[in-house]
């Protein structure tokens, strides 16, 4: 049977040909984690905005998964404000096929 689709990779941004796909995926994963924590804490957008020291529209942008306007450093500061610890691990890449990779994990 003929395949009518193309299987994607683990990075939709790379599949779509976006610039800086690894960074965009990392930001999307961090935003997902931030939204999950806000939800788990039962915070309203107004309460979350106060904790993160931003206005409510920024929380709305986070809820909608908007990547622009949020650097990785800023997302890290949001996680710290939500009482989360952040570990950054750097290691030599041994895979020749992928020159650069960024992985985000939530435990």
N, C-alpha and C. Protein backbone atom coordinates (compact mmCIF):
# COMPACT_ATOMS: atom_id res chain seq x y z
N UNK A 1 0.84 -1.19 0.00
CA UNK A 1 0.00 0.00 0.00
C UNK A 1 0.88 1.25 0.00
N UNK A 2 0.52 2.21 -0.81
CA UNK A 2 1.29 3.43 -0.93
C UNK A 2 1.08 4.32 0.29
N UNK A 3 2.17 4.90 0.78
CA UNK A 3 2.13 5.79 1.92
C UNK A 3 1.75 7.20 1.45
N UNK A 4 0.67 7.77 2.03
CA UNK A 4 0.18 9.08 1.63
C UNK A 4 0.68 10.21 2.53
N UNK A 5 1.65 9.93 3.35
CA UNK A 5 2.14 10.94 4.27
C UNK A 5 3.64 10.75 4.49
N UNK A 6 4.24 11.76 5.07
CA UNK A 6 5.65 11.70 5.42
C UNK A 6 5.76 11.72 6.93
N UNK A 7 6.49 10.78 7.47
CA UNK A 7 6.68 10.74 8.90
C UNK A 7 7.61 11.86 9.32
N UNK A 8 7.24 12.55 10.38
CA UNK A 8 8.05 13.66 10.87
C UNK A 8 9.09 13.19 11.86
N UNK A 9 9.94 14.12 12.23
CA UNK A 9 10.95 13.84 13.25
C UNK A 9 10.34 14.14 14.61
N UNK A 10 11.16 14.20 15.62
CA UNK A 10 10.68 14.55 16.95
C UNK A 10 10.60 16.06 17.14
N UNK A 11 10.95 16.84 16.10
CA UNK A 11 10.94 18.29 16.21
C UNK A 11 10.12 18.88 15.07
N UNK A 12 8.92 19.29 15.38
CA UNK A 12 8.01 19.86 14.38
C UNK A 12 8.59 21.12 13.75
N UNK A 13 9.35 21.89 14.53
CA UNK A 13 9.93 23.12 14.00
C UNK A 13 10.98 22.80 12.94
N UNK A 14 11.72 21.73 13.13
CA UNK A 14 12.69 21.29 12.14
C UNK A 14 11.96 20.79 10.89
N UNK A 15 10.91 20.04 11.09
CA UNK A 15 10.13 19.51 9.97
C UNK A 15 9.53 20.63 9.12
N UNK A 16 9.18 21.73 9.76
CA UNK A 16 8.57 22.86 9.04
C UNK A 16 9.61 23.82 8.46
N UNK A 17 10.89 23.53 8.72
CA UNK A 17 11.95 24.37 8.17
C UNK A 17 12.16 25.68 8.91
N UNK A 18 11.75 25.74 10.16
CA UNK A 18 11.92 26.95 10.96
C UNK A 18 13.39 27.21 11.25
N UNK A 19 13.72 28.49 11.40
CA UNK A 19 15.07 28.85 11.85
C UNK A 19 15.19 28.49 13.33
N UNK A 20 16.34 28.04 13.75
CA UNK A 20 16.61 27.67 15.14
C UNK A 20 15.59 26.68 15.71
N UNK A 21 15.37 25.55 15.04
CA UNK A 21 14.34 24.62 15.49
C UNK A 21 14.60 24.02 16.86
N UNK A 22 15.86 23.79 17.23
CA UNK A 22 16.17 23.22 18.54
C UNK A 22 15.78 24.19 19.66
N UNK A 23 16.10 25.47 19.46
CA UNK A 23 15.75 26.47 20.46
C UNK A 23 14.23 26.62 20.57
N UNK A 24 13.55 26.63 19.45
CA UNK A 24 12.09 26.76 19.48
C UNK A 24 11.43 25.58 20.18
N UNK A 25 11.93 24.37 19.94
CA UNK A 25 11.38 23.20 20.61
C UNK A 25 11.64 23.28 22.11
N UNK A 26 12.84 23.69 22.51
CA UNK A 26 13.15 23.82 23.93
C UNK A 26 12.23 24.84 24.59
N UNK A 27 12.00 25.98 23.93
CA UNK A 27 11.11 27.00 24.47
C UNK A 27 9.68 26.46 24.59
N UNK A 28 9.23 25.74 23.58
CA UNK A 28 7.88 25.16 23.62
C UNK A 28 7.74 24.18 24.78
N UNK A 29 8.77 23.37 24.99
CA UNK A 29 8.73 22.41 26.09
C UNK A 29 8.75 23.12 27.44
N UNK A 30 9.54 24.19 27.57
CA UNK A 30 9.57 24.95 28.82
C UNK A 30 8.22 25.62 29.08
N UNK A 31 7.61 26.18 28.04
CA UNK A 31 6.29 26.80 28.19
C UNK A 31 5.26 25.76 28.60
N UNK A 32 5.33 24.56 28.03
CA UNK A 32 4.42 23.48 28.42
C UNK A 32 4.56 23.18 29.91
N UNK A 33 5.81 23.09 30.38
CA UNK A 33 6.07 22.79 31.79
C UNK A 33 5.55 23.92 32.68
N UNK A 34 5.79 25.16 32.30
CA UNK A 34 5.30 26.31 33.08
C UNK A 34 3.79 26.28 33.17
N UNK A 35 3.12 26.03 32.06
CA UNK A 35 1.65 25.95 32.07
C UNK A 35 1.16 24.81 32.95
N UNK A 36 1.86 23.70 32.91
CA UNK A 36 1.49 22.55 33.74
C UNK A 36 1.60 22.90 35.22
N UNK A 37 2.68 23.56 35.60
CA UNK A 37 2.88 23.94 37.00
C UNK A 37 1.82 24.94 37.45
N UNK A 38 1.54 25.93 36.60
CA UNK A 38 0.50 26.91 36.93
C UNK A 38 -0.84 26.19 37.15
N UNK A 39 -1.15 25.25 36.29
CA UNK A 39 -2.39 24.50 36.41
C UNK A 39 -2.40 23.63 37.67
N UNK A 40 -1.29 22.94 37.92
CA UNK A 40 -1.19 22.08 39.12
C UNK A 40 -1.35 22.89 40.40
N UNK A 41 -0.86 24.12 40.40
CA UNK A 41 -0.97 24.98 41.58
C UNK A 41 -2.35 25.63 41.67
N UNK A 42 -3.16 25.46 40.63
CA UNK A 42 -4.50 26.04 40.62
C UNK A 42 -4.50 27.56 40.56
N UNK A 43 -3.49 28.13 39.92
CA UNK A 43 -3.38 29.58 39.85
C UNK A 43 -4.24 30.16 38.72
N UNK A 44 -4.83 31.29 38.99
CA UNK A 44 -5.50 32.03 37.93
C UNK A 44 -4.42 32.75 37.12
N UNK A 45 -4.79 33.27 35.97
CA UNK A 45 -3.82 34.02 35.17
C UNK A 45 -3.33 35.25 35.94
N UNK A 46 -4.23 35.88 36.67
CA UNK A 46 -3.86 37.06 37.45
C UNK A 46 -2.88 36.69 38.55
N UNK A 47 -3.12 35.58 39.24
CA UNK A 47 -2.22 35.13 40.31
C UNK A 47 -0.85 34.73 39.73
N UNK A 48 -0.88 34.03 38.61
CA UNK A 48 0.37 33.63 37.96
C UNK A 48 1.16 34.84 37.52
N UNK A 49 0.47 35.84 36.99
CA UNK A 49 1.14 37.07 36.54
C UNK A 49 1.85 37.75 37.70
N UNK A 50 1.21 37.78 38.85
CA UNK A 50 1.83 38.40 40.02
C UNK A 50 3.08 37.64 40.44
N UNK A 51 3.00 36.32 40.47
CA UNK A 51 4.15 35.49 40.86
C UNK A 51 5.29 35.65 39.87
N UNK A 52 4.97 35.69 38.58
CA UNK A 52 6.00 35.77 37.54
C UNK A 52 6.43 37.20 37.24
N UNK A 53 5.78 38.16 37.90
CA UNK A 53 6.12 39.58 37.74
C UNK A 53 5.95 40.05 36.29
N UNK A 54 4.83 39.65 35.70
CA UNK A 54 4.46 40.08 34.35
C UNK A 54 3.00 40.49 34.37
N UNK A 55 2.52 41.05 33.28
CA UNK A 55 1.10 41.38 33.21
C UNK A 55 0.32 40.16 32.72
N UNK A 56 -0.98 40.19 32.92
CA UNK A 56 -1.85 39.05 32.59
C UNK A 56 -1.79 38.66 31.12
N UNK A 57 -1.69 39.62 30.17
CA UNK A 57 -1.58 39.21 28.77
C UNK A 57 -0.37 38.30 28.48
N UNK A 58 0.72 38.47 29.24
CA UNK A 58 1.88 37.58 29.05
C UNK A 58 1.54 36.16 29.48
N UNK A 59 0.73 36.02 30.52
CA UNK A 59 0.30 34.69 30.95
C UNK A 59 -0.61 34.09 29.89
N UNK A 60 -1.47 34.91 29.31
CA UNK A 60 -2.33 34.45 28.22
C UNK A 60 -1.49 33.98 27.04
N UNK A 61 -0.43 34.71 26.72
CA UNK A 61 0.47 34.31 25.63
C UNK A 61 1.13 32.98 25.94
N UNK A 62 1.53 32.79 27.20
CA UNK A 62 2.10 31.49 27.61
C UNK A 62 1.07 30.38 27.43
N UNK A 63 -0.15 30.65 27.87
CA UNK A 63 -1.22 29.64 27.76
C UNK A 63 -1.48 29.25 26.31
N UNK A 64 -1.29 30.20 25.40
CA UNK A 64 -1.50 29.94 23.98
C UNK A 64 -0.27 29.35 23.30
N UNK A 65 0.81 29.19 24.06
CA UNK A 65 2.02 28.60 23.51
C UNK A 65 2.81 29.52 22.59
N UNK A 66 2.65 30.83 22.78
CA UNK A 66 3.39 31.78 21.94
C UNK A 66 4.85 31.80 22.36
N UNK A 67 5.75 31.56 21.42
CA UNK A 67 7.17 31.50 21.72
C UNK A 67 7.84 32.87 21.69
N UNK A 68 7.35 33.75 20.81
CA UNK A 68 7.99 35.06 20.68
C UNK A 68 7.78 35.86 21.95
N UNK A 69 8.76 36.64 22.30
CA UNK A 69 8.66 37.44 23.51
C UNK A 69 9.17 36.74 24.75
N UNK A 70 9.57 35.47 24.61
CA UNK A 70 10.07 34.72 25.76
C UNK A 70 11.41 34.08 25.40
N UNK A 71 12.46 34.55 26.03
CA UNK A 71 13.76 33.91 25.84
C UNK A 71 13.83 32.69 26.77
N UNK A 72 14.77 31.83 26.50
CA UNK A 72 14.96 30.68 27.39
C UNK A 72 15.31 31.16 28.79
N UNK A 73 16.13 32.19 28.89
CA UNK A 73 16.50 32.74 30.20
C UNK A 73 15.27 33.25 30.95
N UNK A 74 14.38 33.90 30.24
CA UNK A 74 13.17 34.42 30.88
C UNK A 74 12.28 33.26 31.35
N UNK A 75 12.19 32.23 30.54
CA UNK A 75 11.40 31.05 30.94
C UNK A 75 12.03 30.39 32.17
N UNK A 76 13.36 30.35 32.23
CA UNK A 76 14.04 29.84 33.42
C UNK A 76 13.66 30.67 34.65
N UNK A 77 13.61 32.00 34.49
CA UNK A 77 13.25 32.85 35.63
C UNK A 77 11.81 32.59 36.07
N UNK A 78 10.92 32.29 35.13
CA UNK A 78 9.54 31.95 35.49
C UNK A 78 9.52 30.65 36.30
N UNK A 79 10.30 29.67 35.88
CA UNK A 79 10.35 28.40 36.61
C UNK A 79 10.89 28.62 38.03
N UNK A 80 11.92 29.45 38.16
CA UNK A 80 12.43 29.77 39.50
C UNK A 80 11.37 30.43 40.36
N UNK A 81 10.62 31.36 39.77
CA UNK A 81 9.55 32.05 40.50
C UNK A 81 8.45 31.08 40.93
N UNK A 82 8.32 29.99 40.21
CA UNK A 82 7.33 28.95 40.54
C UNK A 82 7.93 27.87 41.44
N UNK A 83 9.05 28.20 42.11
CA UNK A 83 9.72 27.31 43.06
C UNK A 83 10.27 26.04 42.42
N UNK A 84 10.79 26.17 41.23
CA UNK A 84 11.37 25.03 40.53
C UNK A 84 12.89 25.21 40.46
N UNK A 85 13.62 24.11 40.56
CA UNK A 85 15.06 24.12 40.36
C UNK A 85 15.34 23.76 38.91
N UNK A 86 16.41 24.31 38.39
CA UNK A 86 16.79 24.07 37.00
C UNK A 86 18.20 23.52 36.98
N UNK A 87 18.40 22.41 36.30
CA UNK A 87 19.72 21.84 36.11
C UNK A 87 20.04 21.91 34.62
N UNK A 88 21.20 22.41 34.29
CA UNK A 88 21.65 22.45 32.91
C UNK A 88 22.83 21.49 32.81
N UNK A 89 22.73 20.54 31.90
CA UNK A 89 23.79 19.55 31.71
C UNK A 89 24.39 19.74 30.33
N UNK A 90 25.69 19.86 30.28
CA UNK A 90 26.39 20.02 29.01
C UNK A 90 27.30 18.83 28.82
N UNK A 91 27.20 18.21 27.66
CA UNK A 91 28.10 17.09 27.37
C UNK A 91 28.44 17.09 25.89
N UNK A 92 29.55 16.47 25.59
CA UNK A 92 30.01 16.41 24.20
C UNK A 92 29.04 15.57 23.38
N UNK A 93 28.71 16.07 22.21
CA UNK A 93 27.81 15.36 21.31
C UNK A 93 28.60 14.29 20.58
N UNK A 94 28.15 13.04 20.70
CA UNK A 94 28.83 11.93 20.04
C UNK A 94 28.11 11.46 18.78
N UNK A 95 27.00 12.10 18.46
CA UNK A 95 26.26 11.72 17.26
C UNK A 95 26.64 12.64 16.12
N UNK A 96 27.20 12.10 15.08
CA UNK A 96 27.61 12.92 13.95
C UNK A 96 26.43 13.48 13.18
N UNK A 97 25.28 12.81 13.23
CA UNK A 97 24.13 13.24 12.44
C UNK A 97 23.48 14.51 12.97
N UNK A 98 23.59 14.76 14.27
CA UNK A 98 23.00 15.95 14.86
C UNK A 98 24.10 16.79 15.48
N UNK A 99 24.42 17.90 14.84
CA UNK A 99 25.50 18.75 15.33
C UNK A 99 25.15 19.40 16.66
N UNK A 100 23.88 19.86 16.81
CA UNK A 100 23.48 20.54 18.03
C UNK A 100 22.13 20.00 18.47
N UNK A 101 21.98 19.77 19.75
CA UNK A 101 20.69 19.36 20.26
C UNK A 101 20.46 19.98 21.63
N UNK A 102 19.22 20.26 21.93
CA UNK A 102 18.80 20.76 23.23
C UNK A 102 17.67 19.85 23.68
N UNK A 103 17.79 19.31 24.89
CA UNK A 103 16.74 18.44 25.42
C UNK A 103 16.23 19.04 26.73
N UNK A 104 14.93 19.03 26.91
CA UNK A 104 14.30 19.52 28.13
C UNK A 104 13.57 18.34 28.77
N UNK A 105 13.76 18.18 30.08
CA UNK A 105 13.08 17.11 30.81
C UNK A 105 12.48 17.70 32.08
N UNK A 106 11.35 17.20 32.50
CA UNK A 106 10.66 17.67 33.70
C UNK A 106 10.48 16.49 34.63
N UNK A 107 10.99 16.63 35.83
CA UNK A 107 10.88 15.53 36.81
C UNK A 107 10.14 16.00 38.03
